[in-house]
C-alpha atoms as a PDB file:
ATOM      1  CA  MET A   1      25.971  33.340 -65.505  1.00  0.00           C
ATOM      2  CA  THR A   2      23.587  35.017 -63.125  1.00  0.00           C
ATOM      3  CA  THR A   3      21.386  31.944 -63.087  1.00  0.00           C
ATOM      4  CA  VAL A   4      24.329  29.726 -62.160  1.00  0.00           C
ATOM      5  CA  LYS A   5      25.260  32.013 -59.257  1.00  0.00           C
ATOM      6  CA  LYS A   6      21.719  31.961 -57.968  1.00  0.00           C
ATOM      7  CA  LYS A   7      21.659  28.175 -58.101  1.00  0.00           C
ATOM      8  CA  LYS A   8      24.959  28.016 -56.227  1.00  0.00           C
ATOM      9  CA  MET A   9      23.680  30.415 -53.574  1.00  0.00           C
ATOM     10  CA  ALA A  10      20.477  28.408 -53.181  1.00  0.00           C
ATOM     11  CA  SER A  11      22.474  25.191 -52.804  1.00  0.00           C
ATOM     12  CA  ALA A  12      24.733  26.793 -50.186  1.00  0.00           C
ATOM     13  CA  ALA A  13      21.719  28.045 -48.236  1.00  0.00           C
ATOM     14  CA  THR A  14      20.134  24.584 -48.359  1.00  0.00           C
ATOM     15  CA  ILE A  15      23.334  22.983 -47.083  1.00  0.00           C
ATOM     16  CA  ALA A  16      23.601  25.558 -44.274  1.00  0.00           C
ATOM     17  CA  VAL A  17      20.019  24.917 -43.184  1.00  0.00           C
ATOM     18  CA  SER A  18      20.621  21.176 -43.300  1.00  0.00           C
ATOM     19  CA  LEU A  19      23.761  21.476 -41.178  1.00  0.00           C
ATOM     20  CA  LEU A  20      21.932  23.693 -38.699  1.00  0.00           C
ATOM     21  CA  CYS A  21      19.108  21.177 -38.412  1.00  0.00           C
ATOM     22  CA  CYS A  22      21.617  18.377 -37.914  1.00  0.00           C
ATOM     23  CA  PHE A  23      23.375  20.399 -35.212  1.00  0.00           C
ATOM     24  CA  ILE A  24      20.097  21.088 -33.392  1.00  0.00           C
ATOM     25  CA  THR A  25      19.048  17.446 -33.652  1.00  0.00           C
ATOM     26  CA  ALA A  26      22.413  16.268 -32.394  1.00  0.00           C
ATOM     27  CA  SER A  27      22.338  18.722 -29.501  1.00  0.00           C
ATOM     28  CA  THR A  28      18.810  18.056 -28.276  1.00  0.00           C
ATOM     29  CA  GLY A  29      17.390  15.093 -30.109  1.00  0.00           C
ATOM     30  CA  SER A  30      14.030  13.425 -29.864  1.00  0.00           C
ATOM     31  CA  PRO A  31      13.093  11.617 -26.652  1.00  0.00           C
ATOM     32  CA  ASP A  32      12.569   8.501 -28.738  1.00  0.00           C
ATOM     33  CA  ASP A  33      16.274   8.549 -29.715  1.00  0.00           C
ATOM     34  CA  CYS A  34      17.632   8.763 -26.193  1.00  0.00           C
ATOM     35  CA  ASP A  35      20.166   6.181 -25.099  1.00  0.00           C
ATOM     36  CA  VAL A  36      20.183   7.251 -21.458  1.00  0.00           C
ATOM     37  CA  TYR A  37      17.755   9.222 -19.277  1.00  0.00           C
ATOM     38  CA  ALA A  38      18.745  11.274 -16.253  1.00  0.00           C
ATOM     39  CA  ALA A  39      16.850  13.508 -13.834  1.00  0.00           C
ATOM     40  CA  THR A  40      17.445  17.218 -13.540  1.00  0.00           C
ATOM     41  CA  GLY A  41      19.805  17.985 -10.679  1.00  0.00           C
ATOM     42  CA  SER A  42      21.426  14.559 -10.807  1.00  0.00           C
ATOM     43  CA  SER A  43      24.848  13.497 -12.132  1.00  0.00           C
ATOM     44  CA  PHE A  44      25.839  11.213 -14.978  1.00  0.00           C
ATOM     45  CA  THR A  45      29.157   9.925 -16.324  1.00  0.00           C
ATOM     46  CA  VAL A  46      29.523   9.266 -20.046  1.00  0.00           C
ATOM     47  CA  PRO A  47      31.842   6.268 -20.276  1.00  0.00           C
ATOM     48  CA  LEU A  48      34.953   6.203 -22.469  1.00  0.00           C
ATOM     49  CA  LYS A  49      35.342   2.664 -23.741  1.00  0.00           C
ATOM     50  CA  HIS A  50      39.008   2.970 -24.607  1.00  0.00           C
ATOM     51  CA  GLU A  51      42.205   2.539 -22.572  1.00  0.00           C
ATOM     52  CA  LEU A  52      44.070   5.845 -22.645  1.00  0.00           C
ATOM     53  CA  LYS A  53      47.820   6.316 -22.732  1.00  0.00           C
ATOM     54  CA  GLU A  54      49.614   9.326 -21.274  1.00  0.00           C
ATOM     55  CA  SER A  55      50.641  10.480 -24.749  1.00  0.00           C
ATOM     56  CA  ASP A  56      47.072  10.333 -26.098  1.00  0.00           C
ATOM     57  CA  ASN A  57      44.992  13.424 -26.814  1.00  0.00           C
ATOM     58  CA  LEU A  58      41.394  13.298 -25.616  1.00  0.00           C
ATOM     59  CA  LYS A  59      38.438  15.281 -26.921  1.00  0.00           C
ATOM     60  CA  TRP A  60      34.781  15.237 -25.930  1.00  0.00           C
ATOM     61  CA  PHE A  61      32.114  16.669 -28.231  1.00  0.00           C
ATOM     62  CA  LYS A  62      28.539  17.653 -27.462  1.00  0.00           C
ATOM     63  CA  GLY A  63      27.023  17.412 -30.888  1.00  0.00           C
ATOM     64  CA  MET A  64      29.553  19.204 -33.096  1.00  0.00           C
ATOM     65  CA  ARG A  65      30.991  21.411 -30.362  1.00  0.00           C
ATOM     66  CA  VAL A  66      34.168  20.560 -28.441  1.00  0.00           C
ATOM     67  CA  ILE A  67      33.505  20.797 -24.710  1.00  0.00           C
ATOM     68  CA  PHE A  68      36.717  19.171 -23.434  1.00  0.00           C
ATOM     69  CA  TYR A  69      40.208  18.901 -24.919  1.00  0.00           C
ATOM     70  CA  ARG A  70      43.319  17.500 -23.246  1.00  0.00           C
ATOM     71  CA  ARG A  71      46.607  17.276 -25.129  1.00  0.00           C
ATOM     72  CA  GLN A  72      48.556  14.546 -23.362  1.00  0.00           C
ATOM     73  CA  LYS A  73      48.451  15.866 -19.776  1.00  0.00           C
ATOM     74  CA  GLN A  74      47.633  19.490 -20.485  1.00  0.00           C
ATOM     75  CA  VAL A  75      44.003  20.607 -20.471  1.00  0.00           C
ATOM     76  CA  ILE A  76      43.358  23.020 -23.350  1.00  0.00           C
ATOM     77  CA  MET A  77      39.554  23.314 -22.976  1.00  0.00           C
ATOM     78  CA  GLY A  78      37.448  22.549 -19.960  1.00  0.00           C
ATOM     79  CA  LYS A  79      38.670  21.557 -16.508  1.00  0.00           C
ATOM     80  CA  ASN A  80      40.606  18.625 -15.077  1.00  0.00           C
ATOM     81  CA  ASP A  81      37.552  17.633 -13.040  1.00  0.00           C
ATOM     82  CA  ASP A  82      35.449  17.273 -16.201  1.00  0.00           C
ATOM     83  CA  VAL A  83      36.824  13.750 -16.708  1.00  0.00           C
ATOM     84  CA  ASP A  84      37.803  10.949 -14.349  1.00  0.00           C
ATOM     85  CA  SER A  85      40.975   8.856 -14.337  1.00  0.00           C
ATOM     86  CA  THR A  86      39.716   6.720 -17.234  1.00  0.00           C
ATOM     87  CA  GLY A  87      38.869   9.711 -19.433  1.00  0.00           C
ATOM     88  CA  SER A  88      35.098   9.315 -18.971  1.00  0.00           C
ATOM     89  CA  LEU A  89      33.140  12.576 -19.069  1.00  0.00           C
ATOM     90  CA  LYS A  90      31.558  13.680 -15.790  1.00  0.00           C
ATOM     91  CA  LEU A  91      28.329  15.672 -15.962  1.00  0.00           C
ATOM     92  CA  THR A  92      27.052  17.170 -12.696  1.00  0.00           C
ATOM     93  CA  GLN A  93      24.000  19.218 -11.700  1.00  0.00           C
ATOM     94  CA  LEU A  94      22.220  18.244 -14.877  1.00  0.00           C
ATOM     95  CA  THR A  95      19.819  20.638 -16.560  1.00  0.00           C
ATOM     96  CA  LYS A  96      17.700  20.122 -19.642  1.00  0.00           C
ATOM     97  CA  ASP A  97      20.140  22.067 -21.813  1.00  0.00           C
ATOM     98  CA  LYS A  98      22.710  19.334 -21.169  1.00  0.00           C
ATOM     99  CA  SER A  99      20.631  16.898 -23.153  1.00  0.00           C
ATOM    100  CA  GLY A 100      22.318  15.823 -26.375  1.00  0.00           C
ATOM    101  CA  ARG A 101      24.757  13.413 -27.963  1.00  0.00           C
ATOM    102  CA  TYR A 102      28.224  13.152 -26.402  1.00  0.00           C
ATOM    103  CA  ILE A 103      31.023  11.848 -28.648  1.00  0.00           C
ATOM    104  CA  PRO A 104      34.604  10.963 -27.564  1.00  0.00           C
ATOM    105  CA  GLU A 105      37.737  11.176 -29.734  1.00  0.00           C
ATOM    106  CA  VAL A 106      41.215   9.787 -28.940  1.00  0.00           C
ATOM    107  CA  ILE A 107      44.261  10.742 -31.054  1.00  0.00           C
ATOM    108  CA  ASN A 108      47.812   9.587 -30.361  1.00  0.00           C
ATOM    109  CA  ALA A 109      50.981  11.691 -30.501  1.00  0.00           C
ATOM    110  CA  GLU A 110      51.367  10.998 -34.246  1.00  0.00           C
ATOM    111  CA  GLY A 111      47.943  12.447 -34.939  1.00  0.00           C
ATOM    112  CA  ILE A 112      46.280   9.095 -35.668  1.00  0.00           C
ATOM    113  CA  ASN A 113      42.741   8.467 -34.423  1.00  0.00           C
ATOM    114  CA  VAL A 114      43.388   5.391 -32.310  1.00  0.00           C
ATOM    115  CA  GLY A 115      39.941   5.339 -30.761  1.00  0.00           C
ATOM    116  CA  GLY A 116      38.254   4.363 -33.997  1.00  0.00           C
ATOM    117  CA  ASN A 117      34.492   4.691 -33.922  1.00  0.00           C
ATOM    118  CA  LEU A 118      34.071   5.075 -30.193  1.00  0.00           C
ATOM    119  CA  GLN A 119      30.546   4.714 -28.895  1.00  0.00           C
ATOM    120  CA  SER A 120      28.642   7.953 -28.405  1.00  0.00           C
ATOM    121  CA  VAL A 121      25.806   8.447 -25.928  1.00  0.00           C
ATOM    122  CA  HIS A 122      22.603  10.391 -26.461  1.00  0.00           C
ATOM    123  CA  LEU A 123      21.585  11.747 -23.055  1.00  0.00           C
ATOM    124  CA  CYS A 124      18.120  13.084 -22.268  1.00  0.00           C
ATOM    125  CA  VAL A 125      17.605  15.101 -19.096  1.00  0.00           C
ATOM    126  CA  LEU A 126      14.039  15.126 -17.774  1.00  0.00           C
ATOM    127  CA  ASP A 127      12.202  16.601 -14.819  1.00  0.00           C
ATOM    128  CA  ARG A 128      10.774  14.208 -12.268  1.00  0.00           C
ATOM    129  CA  VAL A 129       7.003  13.907 -12.483  1.00  0.00           C
ATOM    130  CA  GLN A 130       4.882  15.762  -9.961  1.00  0.00           C
ATOM    131  CA  LYS A 131       2.385  13.968  -7.725  1.00  0.00           C
ATOM    132  CA  PRO A 132      -0.871  13.939  -9.709  1.00  0.00           C
ATOM    133  CA  LYS A 133      -4.306  14.903  -8.428  1.00  0.00           C
ATOM    134  CA  VAL A 134      -7.636  13.349  -9.396  1.00  0.00           C
ATOM    135  CA  THR A 135     -10.693  15.593  -9.704  1.00  0.00           C
ATOM    136  CA  MET A 136     -14.258  14.268  -9.818  1.00  0.00           C
ATOM    137  CA  THR A 137     -17.133  15.684 -11.895  1.00  0.00           C
ATOM    138  CA  CYS A 138     -20.793  14.624 -11.972  1.00  0.00           C
ATOM    139  CA  THR A 139     -22.332  14.452 -15.437  1.00  0.00           C
ATOM    140  CA  GLY A 140     -25.665  13.442 -16.949  1.00  0.00           C
ATOM    141  CA  ASN A 141     -27.802  14.751 -14.080  1.00  0.00           C
ATOM    142  CA  LYS A 142     -25.491  12.980 -11.613  1.00  0.00           C
ATOM    143  CA  THR A 143     -26.036   9.588 -13.243  1.00  0.00           C
ATOM    144  CA  ASN A 144     -22.436   9.445 -14.454  1.00  0.00           C
ATOM    145  CA  VAL A 145     -19.159  10.383 -12.812  1.00  0.00           C
ATOM    146  CA  SER A 146     -15.896  11.424 -14.480  1.00  0.00           C
ATOM    147  CA  PHE A 147     -12.435  11.300 -12.923  1.00  0.00           C
ATOM    148  CA  THR A 148      -9.696  13.491 -14.420  1.00  0.00           C
ATOM    149  CA  CYS A 149      -5.966  13.128 -13.707  1.00  0.00           C
ATOM    150  CA  SER A 150      -3.555  16.064 -13.792  1.00  0.00           C
ATOM    151  CA  VAL A 151      -0.705  14.940 -16.036  1.00  0.00           C
ATOM    152  CA  GLY A 152       2.249  16.708 -17.622  1.00  0.00           C
ATOM    153  CA  GLN A 153       3.541  16.613 -21.172  1.00  0.00           C
ATOM    154  CA  ASN A 154       4.951  13.326 -22.487  1.00  0.00           C
ATOM    155  CA  GLU A 155       3.974  11.493 -19.304  1.00  0.00           C
ATOM    156  CA  LYS A 156       2.467   8.048 -19.283  1.00  0.00           C
ATOM    157  CA  ILE A 157      -0.792   7.622 -17.361  1.00  0.00           C
ATOM    158  CA  GLU A 158      -2.384   4.550 -15.768  1.00  0.00           C
ATOM    159  CA  TRP A 159      -5.735   4.294 -13.976  1.00  0.00           C
ATOM    160  CA  PHE A 160      -6.574   2.124 -10.959  1.00  0.00           C
ATOM    161  CA  MET A 161      -9.908   1.254  -9.353  1.00  0.00           C
ATOM    162  CA  ASP A 162      -9.593  -0.221  -5.864  1.00  0.00           C
ATOM    163  CA  GLY A 163      -5.975  -1.087  -6.624  1.00  0.00           C
ATOM    164  CA  LYS A 164      -6.725  -2.891  -9.912  1.00  0.00           C
ATOM    165  CA  GLN A 165      -5.393  -1.435 -13.154  1.00  0.00           C
ATOM    166  CA  LEU A 166      -7.933  -0.278 -15.723  1.00  0.00           C
ATOM    167  CA  ALA A 167      -7.659  -0.392 -19.493  1.00  0.00           C
ATOM    168  CA  GLU A 168      -8.015   3.388 -19.964  1.00  0.00           C
ATOM    169  CA  LYS A 169      -4.844   5.356 -20.719  1.00  0.00           C
ATOM    170  CA  GLY A 170      -6.317   8.851 -21.161  1.00  0.00           C
ATOM    171  CA  LYS A 171      -6.607  11.745 -18.762  1.00  0.00           C
ATOM    172  CA  THR A 172     -10.290  11.047 -17.975  1.00  0.00           C
ATOM    173  CA  VAL A 173     -12.251   7.960 -16.911  1.00  0.00           C
ATOM    174  CA  THR A 174     -16.072   7.924 -16.913  1.00  0.00           C
ATOM    175  CA  ARG A 175     -18.343   5.456 -15.141  1.00  0.00           C
ATOM    176  CA  VAL A 176     -22.016   5.026 -14.172  1.00  0.00           C
ATOM    177  CA  ALA A 177     -22.246   6.407 -10.635  1.00  0.00           C
ATOM    178  CA  THR A 178     -24.391   3.581  -9.233  1.00  0.00           C
ATOM    179  CA  LYS A 179     -21.892   0.973 -10.428  1.00  0.00           C
ATOM    180  CA  VAL A 180     -18.939   2.606  -8.672  1.00  0.00           C
ATOM    181  CA  GLU A 181     -20.762   3.722  -5.522  1.00  0.00           C
ATOM    182  CA  ASN A 182     -17.952   2.891  -3.096  1.00  0.00           C
ATOM    183  CA  ALA A 183     -15.027   2.479  -5.512  1.00  0.00           C
ATOM    184  CA  HIS A 184     -11.752   4.371  -5.124  1.00  0.00           C
ATOM    185  CA  PHE A 185     -10.079   5.794  -8.253  1.00  0.00           C
ATOM    186  CA  SER A 186      -6.430   6.841  -8.534  1.00  0.00           C
ATOM    187  CA  CYS A 187      -4.021   7.589 -11.376  1.00  0.00           C
ATOM    188  CA  ASN A 188      -0.310   6.904 -11.786  1.00  0.00           C
ATOM    189  CA  VAL A 189       1.827   9.152 -13.985  1.00  0.00           C
ATOM    190  CA  SER A 190       5.365   8.317 -15.032  1.00  0.00           C
ATOM    191  CA  ASN A 191       8.226   9.115 -17.355  1.00  0.00           C
ATOM    192  CA  PRO A 192      11.456   7.165 -17.978  1.00  0.00           C
ATOM    193  CA  ILE A 193      13.038   8.381 -14.713  1.00  0.00           C
ATOM    194  CA  SER A 194      10.213   8.630 -12.137  1.00  0.00           C
ATOM    195  CA  SER A 195       6.598   7.875 -11.286  1.00  0.00           C
ATOM    196  CA  GLU A 196       3.988   9.152  -8.829  1.00  0.00           C
ATOM    197  CA  ILE A 197       0.487   7.997  -7.865  1.00  0.00           C
ATOM    198  CA  SER A 198      -2.394  10.176  -6.729  1.00  0.00           C
ATOM    199  CA  LEU A 199      -4.517   9.871  -3.629  1.00  0.00           C
ATOM    200  CA  PRO A 200      -7.680   7.773  -4.134  1.00  0.00           C
ATOM    201  CA  VAL A 201     -10.952   9.603  -4.810  1.00  0.00           C
ATOM    202  CA  GLN A 202     -14.574   8.415  -4.423  1.00  0.00           C
ATOM    203  CA  GLN A 203     -17.670   9.576  -6.269  1.00  0.00           C
ATOM    204  CA  ILE A 204     -20.300  11.685  -4.486  1.00  0.00           C
ATOM    205  CA  CYS A 205     -22.770  11.923  -7.371  1.00  0.00           C
ATOM    206  CA  TYR A 206     -24.918   9.009  -6.194  1.00  0.00           C
ATOM    207  CA  LYS A 207     -25.904   8.525  -2.570  1.00  0.00           C
ATOM    208  CA  PRO A 208     -28.221   5.670  -1.528  1.00  0.00           C
ATOM    209  CA  VAL A 209     -31.149   6.302   0.838  1.00  0.00           C
ATOM    210  CA  PHE A 210     -29.722   3.850   3.352  1.00  0.00           C
ATOM    211  CA  SER A 211     -26.029   4.387   3.823  1.00  0.00           C
ATOM    212  CA  GLU A 212     -23.876   1.411   4.705  1.00  0.00           C
ATOM    213  CA  THR A 213     -21.353   3.620   6.443  1.00  0.00           C
ATOM    214  CA  ILE A 214     -21.474   5.994   9.397  1.00  0.00           C
ATOM    215  CA  PHE A 215     -18.599   8.459   9.731  1.00  0.00           C
ATOM    216  CA  GLY A 216     -16.749   6.340   7.183  1.00  0.00           C
ATOM    217  CA  ILE A 217     -17.183   3.125   9.211  1.00  0.00           C
ATOM    218  CA  SER A 218     -19.286   0.239   7.908  1.00  0.00           C
ATOM    219  CA  ILE A 219     -22.584  -0.113   9.734  1.00  0.00           C
ATOM    220  CA  TRP A 220     -22.014  -3.856   9.992  1.00  0.00           C
ATOM    221  CA  VAL A 221     -18.770  -3.216  11.827  1.00  0.00           C
ATOM    222  CA  LEU A 222     -20.640  -0.993  14.279  1.00  0.00           C
ATOM    223  CA  VAL A 223     -23.382  -3.601  14.761  1.00  0.00           C
ATOM    224  CA  GLY A 224     -20.852  -6.356  15.301  1.00  0.00           C
ATOM    225  CA  GLY A 225     -18.868  -4.213  17.717  1.00  0.00           C
ATOM    226  CA  GLY A 226     -22.025  -3.316  19.672  1.00  0.00           C
ATOM    227  CA  ALA A 227     -23.023  -6.953  19.930  1.00  0.00           C
ATOM    228  CA  GLY A 228     -19.569  -7.857  21.146  1.00  0.00           C
ATOM    229  CA  MET A 229     -19.650  -5.081  23.750  1.00  0.00           C
ATOM    230  CA  LEU A 230     -23.085  -6.257  24.941  1.00  0.00           C
ATOM    231  CA  CYS A 231     -21.730  -9.763  25.351  1.00  0.00           C
ATOM    232  CA  LEU A 232     -18.815  -8.446  27.388  1.00  0.00           C
ATOM    233  CA  LEU A 233     -21.167  -6.464  29.635  1.00  0.00           C
ATOM    234  CA  CYS A 234     -23.570  -9.388  30.096  1.00  0.00           C
ATOM    235  CA  ASN A 235     -20.848 -11.954  30.521  1.00  0.00           C
ATOM    236  CA  PRO A 236     -20.365 -11.424  34.320  1.00  0.00           C
ATOM    237  CA  TYR A 237     -24.111 -11.845  34.930  1.00  0.00           C
ATOM    238  CA  ILE A 238     -24.229 -14.961  32.792  1.00  0.00           C
ATOM    239  CA  LEU A 239     -21.323 -16.453  34.709  1.00  0.00           C
ATOM    240  CA  THR A 240     -23.006 -15.596  38.009  1.00  0.00           C
ATOM    241  CA  CYS A 241     -26.257 -17.251  36.927  1.00  0.00           C
ATOM    242  CA  VAL A 242     -24.391 -20.361  35.834  1.00  0.00           C
ATOM    243  CA  ALA A 243     -22.549 -20.501  39.172  1.00  0.00           C
ATOM    244  CA  LEU A 244     -25.815 -20.153  41.127  1.00  0.00           C
ATOM    245  CA  LEU A 245     -27.482 -22.912  39.101  1.00  0.00           C
ATOM    246  CA  LYS A 246     -24.481 -25.129  39.692  1.00  0.00           C
ATOM    247  CA  TYR A 247     -24.560 -24.366  43.413  1.00  0.00           C
ATOM    248  CA  GLU A 248     -28.307 -25.116  43.663  1.00  0.00           C
ATOM    249  CA  ARG A 249     -27.789 -28.392  41.826  1.00  0.00           C
ATOM    250  CA  GLU A 250     -25.082 -29.427  44.301  1.00  0.00           C
ATOM    251  CA  LEU A 251     -27.382 -28.586  47.249  1.00  0.00           C
ATOM    252  CA  TYR A 252     -30.163 -30.598  45.651  1.00  0.00           C
ATOM    253  CA  LEU A 253     -27.884 -33.602  45.181  1.00  0.00           C
ATOM    254  CA  GLN A 254     -26.729 -33.391  48.814  1.00  0.00           C
ATOM    255  CA  TRP A 255     -30.334 -33.211  50.009  1.00  0.00           C
ATOM    256  CA  SER A 256     -31.300 -36.188  47.798  1.00  0.00           C
ATOM    257  CA  ASN A 257     -28.439 -38.255  49.231  1.00  0.00           C
ATOM    258  CA  GLN A 258     -29.570 -37.482  52.776  1.00  0.00           C
ATOM    259  CA  GLU A 259     -33.147 -38.448  51.959  1.00  0.00           C
ATOM    260  CA  GLN A 260     -31.978 -41.761  50.565  1.00  0.00           C
ATOM    261  CA  GLU A 261     -29.965 -42.482  53.752  1.00  0.00           C
ATOM    262  CA  GLN A 262     -32.912 -41.711  56.170  1.00  0.00           C
ATOM    263  CA  PRO A 263     -35.874 -44.157  56.816  1.00  0.00           C
ATOM    264  CA  ASP A 264     -39.388 -43.643  55.628  1.00  0.00           C
ATOM    265  CA  TYR A 265     -40.466 -41.248  58.349  1.00  0.00           C
ATOM    266  CA  TYR A 266     -44.130 -41.368  57.455  1.00  0.00           C
ATOM    267  CA  ASP A 267     -44.292 -45.158  57.839  1.00  0.00           C
ATOM    268  CA  HIS A 268     -42.289 -44.987  61.051  1.00  0.00           C
ATOM    269  CA  ARG A 269     -44.584 -42.324  62.471  1.00  0.00           C
ATOM    270  CA  TYR A 270     -47.543 -44.577  61.680  1.00  0.00           C
ATOM    271  CA  LEU A 271     -45.861 -47.386  63.604  1.00  0.00           C
ATOM    272  CA  GLN A 272     -45.473 -45.089  66.597  1.00  0.00           C
ATOM    273  CA  GLN A 273     -49.212 -44.507  66.713  1.00  0.00           C
ATOM    274  CA  LEU A 274     -50.021 -48.211  66.958  1.00  0.00           C
ATOM    275  CA  PRO A 275     -51.087 -49.617  70.409  1.00  0.00           C
ATOM    276  CA  GLY A 276     -48.146 -50.643  72.539  1.00  0.00           C
ATOM    277  CA  ASN A 277     -45.743 -48.169  70.942  1.00  0.00           C
ATOM    278  CA  THR A 278     -46.278 -44.946  72.902  1.00  0.00           C
ATOM    279  CA  SER A 279     -42.997 -43.109  73.035  1.00  0.00           C
ATOM    280  CA  ASN A 280     -42.346 -39.496  73.769  1.00  0.00           C
ATOM    281  CA  MET A 281     -43.359 -38.419  70.305  1.00  0.00           C
ATOM    282  CA  ALA A 282     -44.508 -34.974  71.349  1.00  0.00           C
ATOM    283  CA  GLU A 283     -41.427 -34.388  73.378  1.00  0.00           C
ATOM    284  CA  ASN A 284     -39.189 -35.431  70.559  1.00  0.00           C
ATOM    285  CA  SER A 285     -41.070 -33.244  68.075  1.00  0.00           C
ATOM    286  CA  ASN A 286     -40.483 -30.159  70.247  1.00  0.00           C
ATOM    287  CA  SER A 287     -36.891 -31.019  71.101  1.00  0.00           C
ATOM    288  CA  PRO A 288     -34.036 -28.847  69.786  1.00  0.00           C
ATOM    289  CA  SER A 289     -32.490 -32.021  68.434  1.00  0.00           C
ATOM    290  CA  ASN A 290     -35.315 -32.283  65.912  1.00  0.00           C
ATOM    291  CA  ILE A 291     -32.787 -31.537  63.170  1.00  0.00           C
ATOM    292  CA  PRO A 292     -32.569 -34.313  60.575  1.00  0.00           C
ATOM    293  CA  LYS A 293     -29.467 -36.428  60.944  1.00  0.00           C
ATOM    294  CA  PRO A 294     -28.329 -39.013  58.460  1.00  0.00           C
ATOM    295  CA  GLY A 295     -29.839 -42.468  59.298  1.00  0.00           C
ATOM    296  CA  ILE A 296     -31.713 -41.306  62.494  1.00  0.00           C
ATOM    297  CA  CYS A 297     -35.452 -40.781  62.802  1.00  0.00           C
ATOM    298  CA  THR A 298     -36.426 -37.251  63.752  1.00  0.00           C
ATOM    299  CA  HIS A 299     -39.445 -38.440  65.786  1.00  0.00           C
ATOM    300  CA  CYS A 300     -38.129 -41.218  68.014  1.00  0.00           C
ATOM    301  CA  GLY A 301     -34.368 -41.238  67.581  1.00  0.00           C
ATOM    302  CA  LEU A 302     -34.293 -44.773  66.230  1.00  0.00           C
ATOM    303  CA  LYS A 303     -31.623 -45.711  63.752  1.00  0.00           C
ATOM    304  CA  ARG A 304     -32.341 -47.160  60.366  1.00  0.00           C
ATOM    305  CA  ASP A 305     -31.078 -50.584  61.470  1.00  0.00           C
ATOM    306  CA  ASP A 306     -33.663 -50.602  64.328  1.00  0.00           C
ATOM    307  CA  LEU A 307     -36.519 -50.296  61.856  1.00  0.00           C
ATOM    308  CA  LYS A 308     -35.555 -53.362  59.865  1.00  0.00           C
END
């Protein structure tokens, strides 16, 4: 008799523990079982997929606990604002303790469950992820570099190098320093409701003797900019030189045209020195009009046609 009582007590205790576990699971649940995710501080409405009548009685359960009860139009538990005009449950200012399974029940005036197996919703309330931070550590006598991402619990992590996603999914990424000399590493952490990416970080374990950057600017950019500035400074002088050369060329062409139009003055001067041709050569050579004129001899004043 005593043995039977002990067995009955043990069975009752087992059932009580089982029910308690079921209640805890139904109230909180595993994140893998969540139907809907919501952020802390936000609002969510659990839909009632049934058309209510004025004579219907509406109940909402969170797990096994009644949180709202309305008999026809009179609210017995909860507040009128806890549901909308369709009977859907309104949850505001969500906190993590509001995670759980929400179950509706509709019973008519005759006490018959007219809602049938109405769909329940397992809600999981999560905090938004914080902006992560990447820290860099030199290892192996500064030959290797490790990047570590600050990540919270149950958060997914992704790594990026110069904007391209890497295969690693852990908190730390390790590379040979010389192979990632100028690379930028960043990590993205996320959960079902939010995501954040860190600021990019560069390694400082390896530094080449000749740096390709000065004050963070590529040396080739500086060289190219200096060359361009030099061209701008020299450009006015180059244009001036080109203009002078062009001007001298025009003067030379004008002088050549005048030479072609005038007679051969050396031959004409020789003809003046022949017997019987004694003109005022000296007078003409000292005259103010001894300026070359097109087609006129500077020594005797004869025209080109007179020499033919």
